[in-house]
Amino acid sequence: MQASILVYRLFDTADSIDLVKAESLLATGGHVSRLRLTRVSPKAIVFKDPPVTVMLAQQQIPVGDRTFPADVRARIYDFGVISIIMQVNLPDDFVYQDLINLAPAIDQMPDIFFLRTLEAVLTGIRPALKSEHASIVEEDLVVYYFKEWHQDWDPVPVLLADKEPVSPETRQETLANRLSYANDFTLLGWNTVIVYDPSGSPDIPDLLEFANAQFLELRYYDLMLNQEIDKMYDAITEAERTVVYRRLGRYRRIRRQLLELMADITSVTSEIENSLRITEDVFYARVYTTYLRILRIHDWTASIDQRVEVIQRSYNLLTDEVVTNRAEIMEVAIILLIAFEIILSLVKFH
């Protein structure tokens, strides 16, 4: 069988990664390159800062009751994501029924192989990381890549990793996102994809991986914003328990932090959304936008926008509170000055 299985694990590892520095650090340990799609003009698909790919040592990977040699590589994105890819090239004597039997085990591949590889990559590029953090969100993707396809093969058991018969409705939904350019096709699912391309081009898997990296990063910032909003409410509650003259200073600090957070999030999400631009290639644009729709990426951007609005409203309320408190302090100061002048005049009169 002329086929391979690409198993991806994507991790958010840092606020950003200096790709020039990472490329330099990795150059002494293996083959390093920048991502470039092979079948289109560089002007058709523009990567703002193409991710760095490094080839790593081959590993023996247990899948189910078998062990396969896997080509391993890592791809490093400037917005902090690292993707670990295990490519299992299926043996020539493999038949399609073998693949159907193997699919459930692919979904259960141990994380330890990916985590060990991730740690090795992080160790090699640590000076290039800005604000490294533990990965609190992850994404996975499996691409079944075929250079030959027989019409009697049923893709549904592979896409669902389930040998049991399914209803007509489930079958129709599973096969709904089928895209084709010529004598090829791509069947898109949430985290499982089938690509048939006799040319062997890696473009479609690379494009889908890039979309997953963007999706992962948006998930991370949505979660981070949620945590920051909880901290903001706690800080405001704590500030309200203090006396007025100290409360004003705390409100100012919270307001300054909110302003910095809004600026950072707006900048980061803009960088993520603009990290890839498809300008000319209609087919790749269809694949990319369809997959983003399946991932519901617009729901995540809308969620981030809503959280930013909450922060904006809180910032405005705190600004009003600061102005009000300042006015109250000024009023008290004026009253005290007037009282002082009255007392002083009375003392002089006597």
Protein backbone atom coordinates (compact mmCIF):
# COMPACT_ATOMS: atom_id res chain seq x y z
CA MET A 1 0.00 0.00 0.00
CA GLN A 2 1.40 3.40 -0.97
CA ALA A 3 0.20 5.23 2.10
CA SER A 4 1.40 6.85 5.29
CA ILE A 5 -0.13 8.09 8.51
CA LEU A 6 0.88 11.49 9.86
CA VAL A 7 0.14 11.84 13.56
CA TYR A 8 0.40 15.37 14.97
CA ARG A 9 0.51 16.71 18.50
CA LEU A 10 0.59 20.49 18.84
CA PHE A 11 1.63 22.25 22.04
CA ASP A 12 1.57 25.89 23.11
CA THR A 13 4.97 26.46 24.73
CA ALA A 14 5.73 30.20 24.89
CA ASP A 15 4.35 33.65 24.17
CA SER A 16 6.55 33.75 21.07
CA ILE A 17 9.61 32.10 19.54
CA ASP A 18 12.43 33.83 17.70
CA LEU A 19 12.56 31.64 14.59
CA VAL A 20 15.87 33.05 13.34
CA LYS A 21 17.51 32.15 16.63
CA ALA A 22 15.75 28.76 16.79
CA GLU A 23 16.87 27.96 13.25
CA SER A 24 20.45 28.80 14.16
CA LEU A 25 20.35 26.72 17.35
CA LEU A 26 18.95 23.67 15.56
CA ALA A 27 21.18 23.86 12.48
CA THR A 28 24.03 21.94 14.13
CA GLY A 29 21.86 18.98 15.16
CA GLY A 30 19.85 18.06 12.07
CA HIS A 31 18.31 19.11 8.79
CA VAL A 32 16.49 22.41 9.28
CA SER A 33 14.28 24.26 6.79
CA ARG A 34 11.47 26.80 6.55
CA LEU A 35 7.98 25.69 5.54
CA ARG A 36 7.25 26.27 1.87
CA LEU A 37 4.38 24.74 -0.09
CA THR A 38 5.63 22.86 -3.13
CA ARG A 39 2.85 23.01 -5.71
CA VAL A 40 1.98 26.70 -5.72
CA SER A 41 3.76 29.96 -6.34
CA PRO A 42 5.25 31.58 -3.21
CA LYS A 43 3.07 34.59 -4.01
CA ALA A 44 -0.10 32.48 -3.93
CA ILE A 45 0.27 31.59 -0.24
CA VAL A 46 2.18 33.99 1.95
CA PHE A 47 3.54 32.96 5.35
CA LYS A 48 4.36 36.08 7.34
CA ASP A 49 7.14 34.21 9.16
CA PRO A 50 7.34 30.61 7.82
CA PRO A 51 7.68 28.05 10.63
CA VAL A 52 10.96 26.20 11.11
CA THR A 53 11.01 22.44 10.46
CA VAL A 54 13.69 20.17 11.93
CA MET A 55 14.11 16.50 11.03
CA LEU A 56 14.75 14.28 14.06
CA ALA A 57 15.87 10.72 14.63
CA GLN A 58 13.57 7.93 13.48
CA GLN A 59 11.69 6.15 16.27
CA GLN A 60 10.05 2.76 16.67
CA ILE A 61 6.42 3.45 17.56
CA PRO A 62 4.07 0.79 18.99
CA VAL A 63 0.59 1.05 17.46
CA GLY A 64 -1.84 -1.57 18.65
CA ASP A 65 -0.09 -4.95 18.56
CA ARG A 66 2.48 -3.84 15.99
CA THR A 67 5.54 -1.61 15.95
CA PHE A 68 6.29 0.72 13.05
CA PRO A 69 9.29 2.86 12.19
CA ALA A 70 8.24 6.52 12.23
CA ASP A 71 9.96 9.50 10.67
CA VAL A 72 9.91 12.27 13.26
CA ARG A 73 10.05 16.01 12.77
CA ALA A 74 9.15 19.12 14.71
CA ARG A 75 7.73 22.35 13.37
CA ILE A 76 8.19 25.58 15.32
CA TYR A 77 5.86 28.58 14.93
CA ASP A 78 6.73 32.14 15.83
CA PHE A 79 3.56 32.56 17.91
CA GLY A 80 4.72 29.92 20.39
CA VAL A 81 3.35 26.63 19.06
CA ILE A 82 5.49 23.53 18.49
CA SER A 83 4.10 20.67 16.44
CA ILE A 84 5.53 17.15 16.77
CA ILE A 85 4.87 14.94 13.74
CA MET A 86 5.25 11.15 13.63
CA GLN A 87 5.00 9.88 10.04
CA VAL A 88 4.34 6.14 9.82
CA ASN A 89 5.03 4.82 6.32
CA LEU A 90 2.89 1.70 5.89
CA PRO A 91 4.55 -1.46 4.56
CA ASP A 92 3.92 -2.56 0.97
CA ASP A 93 2.06 -5.69 2.08
CA PHE A 94 -0.42 -3.62 4.12
CA VAL A 95 -4.01 -3.87 2.82
CA TYR A 96 -6.90 -1.49 3.40
CA GLN A 97 -8.59 -3.79 5.92
CA ASP A 98 -5.37 -3.70 7.95
CA LEU A 99 -5.62 0.08 8.01
CA ILE A 100 -9.25 -0.05 9.17
CA ASN A 101 -8.19 -2.35 12.01
CA LEU A 102 -5.27 -0.06 12.87
CA ALA A 103 -7.21 3.25 12.92
CA PRO A 104 -8.62 2.93 16.49
CA ALA A 105 -5.10 2.30 17.82
CA ILE A 106 -3.75 5.38 16.02
CA ASP A 107 -6.11 7.52 18.09
CA GLN A 108 -4.67 5.93 21.25
CA MET A 109 -0.97 6.46 20.52
CA PRO A 110 0.86 7.12 23.81
CA ASP A 111 1.61 10.78 24.52
CA ILE A 112 5.00 9.88 25.98
CA PHE A 113 6.66 9.72 22.54
CA PHE A 114 5.45 13.20 21.66
CA LEU A 115 6.27 14.68 25.07
CA ARG A 116 9.82 13.31 25.04
CA THR A 117 10.39 14.74 21.58
CA LEU A 118 8.87 18.06 22.61
CA GLU A 119 11.18 18.32 25.62
CA ALA A 120 14.22 17.55 23.45
CA VAL A 121 13.23 20.32 21.03
CA LEU A 122 12.57 22.79 23.85
CA THR A 123 15.97 22.02 25.34
CA GLY A 124 17.60 22.81 22.01
CA ILE A 125 15.81 26.12 21.38
CA ARG A 126 15.22 27.46 24.92
CA PRO A 127 17.23 30.69 24.32
CA ALA A 128 14.80 31.49 21.48
CA LEU A 129 11.70 31.23 23.68
CA LYS A 130 10.01 34.32 25.05
CA SER A 131 8.04 33.72 28.27
CA GLU A 132 8.09 29.93 28.16
CA HIS A 133 5.17 28.24 29.93
CA ALA A 134 3.76 24.77 30.45
CA SER A 135 1.38 23.71 27.71
CA ILE A 136 -2.15 23.99 29.10
CA VAL A 137 -3.89 23.36 25.77
CA GLU A 138 -3.00 20.81 23.10
CA GLU A 139 -4.33 19.77 19.73
CA ASP A 140 -4.03 16.53 17.81
CA LEU A 141 -4.53 15.69 14.16
CA VAL A 142 -4.24 12.50 12.11
CA VAL A 143 -3.81 12.61 8.33
CA TYR A 144 -4.11 9.41 6.33
CA TYR A 145 -2.17 10.09 3.16
CA PHE A 146 -2.63 7.92 0.06
CA LYS A 147 -0.70 7.98 -3.20
CA GLU A 148 -3.10 5.37 -4.57
CA TRP A 149 -6.80 4.92 -3.94
CA HIS A 150 -9.23 2.17 -4.97
CA GLN A 151 -12.84 3.04 -5.60
CA ASP A 152 -14.11 0.16 -3.47
CA TRP A 153 -12.37 1.46 -0.35
CA ASP A 154 -14.75 2.95 2.20
CA PRO A 155 -13.21 6.00 3.92
CA VAL A 156 -15.81 6.20 6.71
CA PRO A 157 -14.33 3.51 9.05
CA VAL A 158 -10.94 5.22 8.82
CA LEU A 159 -12.28 8.73 9.40
CA LEU A 160 -14.35 7.59 12.39
CA ALA A 161 -11.80 5.01 13.63
CA ASP A 162 -14.74 2.64 13.97
CA LYS A 163 -15.36 -0.61 12.11
CA GLU A 164 -19.04 -0.79 13.09
CA PRO A 165 -21.68 0.11 10.45
CA VAL A 166 -23.08 3.63 10.71
CA SER A 167 -26.39 5.19 9.77
CA PRO A 168 -26.92 6.93 6.41
CA GLU A 169 -27.07 10.27 8.25
CA THR A 170 -23.72 9.68 9.95
CA ARG A 171 -22.16 8.58 6.66
CA GLN A 172 -23.46 11.67 4.87
CA GLU A 173 -22.17 13.98 7.60
CA THR A 174 -18.77 12.26 7.70
CA LEU A 175 -18.29 12.63 3.94
CA ALA A 176 -19.76 16.14 3.68
CA ASN A 177 -16.46 18.00 3.44
CA ARG A 178 -14.89 16.41 0.39
CA LEU A 179 -12.78 18.70 -1.82
CA SER A 180 -11.07 17.83 -5.09
CA TYR A 181 -8.84 19.66 -7.55
CA ALA A 182 -8.15 17.07 -10.29
CA ASN A 183 -7.53 13.33 -9.79
CA ASP A 184 -7.22 13.78 -6.05
CA PHE A 185 -9.43 14.47 -3.05
CA THR A 186 -9.31 15.61 0.56
CA LEU A 187 -11.86 14.45 3.12
CA LEU A 188 -11.91 16.76 6.12
CA GLY A 189 -13.00 15.80 9.62
CA TRP A 190 -12.46 17.52 12.98
CA ASN A 191 -9.18 15.86 13.85
CA THR A 192 -8.96 13.15 11.18
CA VAL A 193 -8.35 13.78 7.49
CA ILE A 194 -7.90 11.59 4.43
CA VAL A 195 -5.77 12.96 1.61
CA TYR A 196 -5.43 11.17 -1.71
CA ASP A 197 -2.77 12.77 -3.91
CA PRO A 198 -0.78 10.69 -6.43
CA SER A 199 1.89 13.41 -6.59
CA GLY A 200 2.94 12.85 -2.98
CA SER A 201 2.94 16.59 -2.25
CA PRO A 202 2.83 17.43 1.49
CA ASP A 203 1.06 20.74 0.89
CA ILE A 204 -2.41 19.81 2.16
CA PRO A 205 -1.19 18.23 5.44
CA ASP A 206 1.11 21.24 5.98
CA LEU A 207 -1.77 23.65 5.41
CA LEU A 208 -4.05 21.77 7.81
CA GLU A 209 -1.32 21.68 10.44
CA PHE A 210 -0.89 25.45 10.14
CA ALA A 211 -4.64 25.92 10.65
CA ASN A 212 -4.48 23.70 13.75
CA ALA A 213 -1.60 25.75 15.14
CA GLN A 214 -3.64 28.95 14.73
CA PHE A 215 -6.66 27.27 16.32
CA LEU A 216 -4.59 26.05 19.27
CA GLU A 217 -3.17 29.50 19.93
CA LEU A 218 -6.62 31.12 19.89
CA ARG A 219 -7.82 28.50 22.38
CA TYR A 220 -4.87 29.33 24.62
CA TYR A 221 -5.55 33.06 24.61
CA ASP A 222 -9.27 32.53 25.19
CA LEU A 223 -8.43 30.48 28.28
CA MET A 224 -5.83 33.01 29.42
CA LEU A 225 -8.32 35.88 29.05
CA ASN A 226 -10.85 33.96 31.12
CA GLN A 227 -8.27 33.55 33.89
CA GLU A 228 -7.28 37.21 33.70
CA ILE A 229 -10.90 38.32 33.99
CA ASP A 230 -11.31 36.22 37.15
CA LYS A 231 -8.12 37.80 38.56
CA MET A 232 -9.43 41.25 37.64
CA TYR A 233 -12.71 40.70 39.54
CA ASP A 234 -10.77 39.41 42.58
CA ALA A 235 -8.46 42.45 42.46
CA ILE A 236 -11.40 44.86 42.23
CA THR A 237 -13.17 43.12 45.14
CA GLU A 238 -9.99 43.33 47.20
CA ALA A 239 -9.53 47.01 46.32
CA GLU A 240 -13.08 47.82 47.41
CA ARG A 241 -12.27 46.56 50.91
CA THR A 242 -9.53 49.17 51.39
CA VAL A 243 -9.92 52.76 52.52
CA VAL A 244 -10.71 55.33 49.86
CA TYR A 245 -7.28 56.98 49.58
CA ARG A 246 -5.58 53.57 49.04
CA ARG A 247 -8.37 52.32 46.79
CA LEU A 248 -7.61 54.98 44.20
CA GLY A 249 -4.03 53.73 43.76
CA ARG A 250 -5.18 50.12 43.43
CA TYR A 251 -7.79 51.05 40.84
CA ARG A 252 -5.10 52.82 38.84
CA ARG A 253 -2.85 49.75 38.92
CA ILE A 254 -5.71 47.44 37.84
CA ARG A 255 -6.68 49.88 35.10
CA ARG A 256 -3.09 50.02 33.82
CA GLN A 257 -2.86 46.21 33.79
CA LEU A 258 -6.15 45.96 31.87
CA LEU A 259 -4.94 48.45 29.28
CA GLU A 260 -1.71 46.49 28.77
CA LEU A 261 -3.65 43.21 28.53
CA MET A 262 -6.02 44.59 25.88
CA ALA A 263 -3.10 45.90 23.84
CA ASP A 264 -1.24 42.57 24.09
CA ILE A 265 -4.24 40.42 23.17
CA THR A 266 -5.23 42.62 20.24
CA SER A 267 -1.68 42.50 18.92
CA VAL A 268 -1.31 38.74 19.37
CA THR A 269 -4.63 37.76 17.81
CA SER A 270 -3.93 40.04 14.88
CA GLU A 271 -0.53 38.36 14.41
CA ILE A 272 -2.15 34.89 14.51
CA GLU A 273 -4.89 35.76 12.04
CA ASN A 274 -2.44 37.42 9.64
CA SER A 275 0.26 34.73 9.88
CA LEU A 276 -1.02 33.09 6.67
CA ARG A 277 -2.55 34.74 3.62
CA ILE A 278 -3.84 32.79 0.60
CA THR A 279 -3.99 35.26 -2.25
CA GLU A 280 -4.32 33.30 -5.49
CA ASP A 281 -4.75 29.51 -5.15
CA VAL A 282 -8.50 28.85 -5.10
CA PHE A 283 -8.30 25.14 -4.19
CA TYR A 284 -5.96 25.64 -1.24
CA ALA A 285 -8.12 28.55 -0.11
CA ARG A 286 -11.17 26.24 -0.12
CA VAL A 287 -9.34 23.56 1.87
CA TYR A 288 -8.03 26.07 4.39
CA THR A 289 -11.28 27.99 4.93
CA THR A 290 -13.37 24.80 5.06
CA TYR A 291 -11.13 23.35 7.71
CA LEU A 292 -11.23 26.58 9.75
CA ARG A 293 -15.03 26.36 9.57
CA ILE A 294 -14.95 22.75 10.83
CA LEU A 295 -12.75 23.86 13.74
CA ARG A 296 -15.27 26.68 14.38
CA ILE A 297 -12.37 29.08 14.61
CA HIS A 298 -14.66 32.09 14.18
CA ASP A 299 -16.47 31.07 17.39
CA TRP A 300 -13.16 31.26 19.23
CA THR A 301 -12.26 34.65 17.79
CA ALA A 302 -15.76 35.84 18.73
CA SER A 303 -15.24 34.51 22.27
CA ILE A 304 -11.95 36.40 22.54
CA ASP A 305 -13.63 39.56 21.24
CA GLN A 306 -16.37 39.20 23.87
CA ARG A 307 -13.84 38.81 26.66
CA VAL A 308 -11.92 41.83 25.42
CA GLU A 309 -15.22 43.77 25.50
CA VAL A 310 -15.71 42.70 29.13
CA ILE A 311 -12.23 43.98 29.94
CA GLN A 312 -12.93 47.21 28.02
CA ARG A 313 -16.14 47.80 29.96
CA SER A 314 -14.35 47.07 33.22
CA TYR A 315 -11.61 49.50 32.23
CA ASN A 316 -14.21 52.20 31.51
CA LEU A 317 -15.99 51.57 34.83
CA LEU A 318 -12.71 51.76 36.72
CA THR A 319 -11.84 54.98 34.89
CA ASP A 320 -15.18 56.45 35.97
CA GLU A 321 -14.55 55.21 39.52
CA VAL A 322 -11.09 56.79 39.58
CA VAL A 323 -12.51 60.10 38.33
CA THR A 324 -15.34 59.96 40.88
CA ASN A 325 -12.99 59.12 43.76
CA ARG A 326 -10.60 61.87 42.71
CA ALA A 327 -13.49 64.37 42.63
CA GLU A 328 -14.65 63.24 46.07
CA ILE A 329 -11.14 63.62 47.47
CA MET A 330 -10.92 67.10 45.93
CA GLU A 331 -14.24 68.05 47.45
CA VAL A 332 -13.12 66.87 50.89
CA ALA A 333 -9.84 68.74 50.47
CA ILE A 334 -11.66 71.95 49.51
CA ILE A 335 -14.02 71.61 52.47
CA LEU A 336 -11.08 71.07 54.80
CA LEU A 337 -9.29 74.12 53.36
CA ILE A 338 -12.38 76.26 53.83
CA ALA A 339 -12.78 74.99 57.37
CA PHE A 340 -9.10 75.65 58.05
CA GLU A 341 -9.43 79.22 56.76
CA ILE A 342 -12.52 79.80 58.90
CA ILE A 343 -10.78 78.46 61.99
CA LEU A 344 -7.68 80.53 61.22
CA SER A 345 -9.73 83.69 60.80
CA LEU A 346 -11.56 83.03 64.09
CA VAL A 347 -8.24 82.55 65.88
CA LYS A 348 -6.92 85.82 64.46
CA PHE A 349 -10.15 87.62 65.42
CA HIS A 350 -9.77 86.51 69.02
